[in-house]
Protein backbone atom coordinates (compact mmCIF):
# COMPACT_ATOMS: atom_id res chain seq x y z
CA GLN A 1 -46.58 -99.21 -17.93
CA VAL A 2 -46.60 -101.42 -14.91
CA PRO A 3 -48.07 -99.84 -11.99
CA LEU A 4 -46.18 -99.24 -9.26
CA VAL A 5 -47.49 -98.69 -5.72
CA GLU A 6 -45.12 -97.32 -2.59
CA SER A 7 -45.75 -96.87 0.87
CA GLY A 8 -43.96 -95.81 4.07
CA GLY A 9 -43.33 -92.32 4.11
CA GLY A 10 -44.08 -90.08 6.84
CA LEU A 11 -43.48 -87.67 9.23
CA VAL A 12 -39.98 -88.44 11.20
CA GLN A 13 -37.56 -86.11 13.08
CA ALA A 14 -33.81 -85.79 12.20
CA GLY A 15 -31.70 -88.85 13.14
CA GLY A 16 -34.58 -90.96 12.86
CA SER A 17 -35.40 -93.81 10.50
CA LEU A 18 -38.06 -94.57 7.82
CA ARG A 19 -38.53 -97.72 5.75
CA LEU A 20 -40.20 -97.25 2.09
CA SER A 21 -41.21 -100.09 -0.10
CA CYS A 22 -42.13 -100.89 -3.73
CA ALA A 23 -44.17 -103.28 -5.24
CA ALA A 24 -44.95 -103.88 -8.97
CA SER A 25 -47.11 -106.03 -10.67
CA ASN A 26 -46.75 -110.07 -10.73
CA ASN A 27 -47.17 -110.81 -13.91
CA ILE A 28 -44.01 -109.25 -15.34
CA PHE A 29 -41.81 -111.15 -17.11
CA SER A 30 -38.31 -109.52 -15.97
CA ILE A 31 -37.66 -106.23 -13.98
CA ASN A 32 -33.85 -105.46 -14.75
CA THR A 33 -33.00 -102.04 -12.49
CA MET A 34 -35.26 -100.18 -9.94
CA GLY A 35 -34.52 -97.27 -8.28
CA TRP A 36 -35.73 -94.79 -5.92
CA TYR A 37 -35.79 -91.02 -6.60
CA ARG A 38 -36.72 -87.81 -5.08
CA GLN A 39 -37.88 -84.53 -5.68
CA ALA A 40 -37.94 -81.80 -3.07
CA PRO A 41 -40.17 -78.22 -3.93
CA GLY A 42 -38.57 -76.13 -6.68
CA LYS A 43 -35.61 -78.74 -6.94
CA GLN A 44 -34.82 -81.07 -9.98
CA ARG A 45 -35.75 -84.75 -9.33
CA GLU A 46 -32.64 -86.84 -8.65
CA LEU A 47 -31.53 -90.29 -8.22
CA VAL A 48 -31.14 -91.78 -4.55
CA ALA A 49 -30.27 -95.24 -4.85
CA THR A 50 -30.62 -98.10 -7.77
CA ILE A 51 -30.41 -101.51 -7.53
CA THR A 52 -29.96 -104.12 -10.58
CA SER A 53 -31.81 -107.83 -11.00
CA GLY A 54 -28.14 -109.03 -9.84
CA GLY A 55 -28.12 -107.26 -6.32
CA THR A 56 -25.71 -104.44 -7.77
CA THR A 57 -26.19 -101.40 -5.88
CA HIS A 58 -25.72 -97.51 -6.57
CA TYR A 59 -26.11 -94.84 -3.79
CA ALA A 60 -26.26 -91.00 -4.43
CA ASP A 61 -22.83 -89.66 -2.36
CA SER A 62 -25.71 -87.66 -0.25
CA VAL A 63 -27.11 -91.15 1.15
CA LYS A 64 -24.13 -93.30 1.28
CA GLY A 65 -23.49 -94.58 4.61
CA ARG A 66 -26.95 -93.73 5.49
CA PHE A 67 -29.76 -95.51 3.12
CA SER A 68 -29.87 -99.31 2.00
CA ILE A 69 -31.68 -100.30 -1.17
CA SER A 70 -32.92 -104.06 -1.52
CA ARG A 71 -35.34 -106.24 -3.73
CA ASP A 72 -36.99 -109.40 -3.91
CA ASN A 73 -37.14 -110.63 -7.40
CA ALA A 74 -39.49 -113.41 -6.72
CA LYS A 75 -41.80 -110.87 -4.94
CA ASN A 76 -41.16 -107.77 -7.39
CA THR A 77 -40.42 -105.41 -4.54
CA MET A 78 -37.74 -103.30 -3.54
CA THR A 79 -37.09 -101.49 -0.10
CA LEU A 80 -35.11 -98.28 1.13
CA GLN A 81 -34.28 -98.24 4.66
CA MET A 82 -33.39 -94.37 5.24
CA ASN A 83 -31.44 -93.80 8.77
CA LYS A 84 -29.98 -91.00 10.41
CA LEU A 85 -32.56 -88.62 8.31
CA LYS A 86 -31.88 -85.32 7.81
CA PRO A 87 -34.04 -82.23 7.32
CA GLU A 88 -32.58 -82.04 3.74
CA ASP A 89 -33.98 -85.39 3.10
CA THR A 90 -37.14 -83.89 2.90
CA ALA A 91 -38.58 -84.80 -0.60
CA VAL A 92 -41.35 -86.65 -2.40
CA TYR A 93 -39.91 -90.33 -2.86
CA LEU A 94 -40.52 -92.12 -6.42
CA CYS A 95 -39.99 -95.59 -7.13
CA ASN A 96 -38.74 -96.77 -10.85
CA ALA A 97 -38.67 -99.66 -12.46
CA GLU A 98 -37.57 -100.61 -15.91
CA GLY A 99 -38.00 -104.24 -17.64
CA SER A 100 -39.85 -106.44 -19.90
CA THR A 101 -43.59 -107.57 -19.53
CA GLY A 102 -42.54 -110.50 -22.21
CA TYR A 103 -44.30 -108.23 -24.74
CA THR A 104 -42.95 -104.92 -24.64
CA LEU A 105 -40.19 -103.10 -22.50
CA PHE A 106 -41.13 -100.58 -19.81
CA ASN A 107 -40.00 -98.06 -17.09
CA SER A 108 -42.80 -97.28 -15.02
CA TRP A 109 -42.74 -94.59 -12.07
CA GLY A 110 -45.02 -94.79 -8.78
CA GLN A 111 -47.23 -92.11 -7.43
CA GLY A 112 -44.50 -90.89 -5.19
CA THR A 113 -44.64 -90.99 -1.08
CA GLN A 114 -43.86 -87.99 0.98
CA VAL A 115 -41.03 -88.19 3.45
CA THR A 116 -40.84 -85.16 5.89
CA VAL A 117 -37.62 -84.58 8.19
CA SER A 118 -38.28 -82.31 11.03
CA SER A 119 -35.31 -80.26 12.63
């Protein structure tokens, strides 16, 4: 597995913004799709947004128009800009990446970062 390191979570009031970052090891042959998922207490993990190496993005309906995903292929990093946050966005946000190390395929998860939106 390829280690993924997330950062940027925290506590914010409703209507505020946060920016999450995810960094993968530099010694990776290629990363295909990267994405953000979230899991709230008592709920199943759900997709938030994904982005391919070519820049094609996909968003959950609940975050469209408020969140923006981007990545830097040269640096193996990904960000999630979250605006107009709502209390229902409160969850642990997890970074995911799948690709190849040149020797093996991988599908890795970060440790998660807490996002809490107060009303």
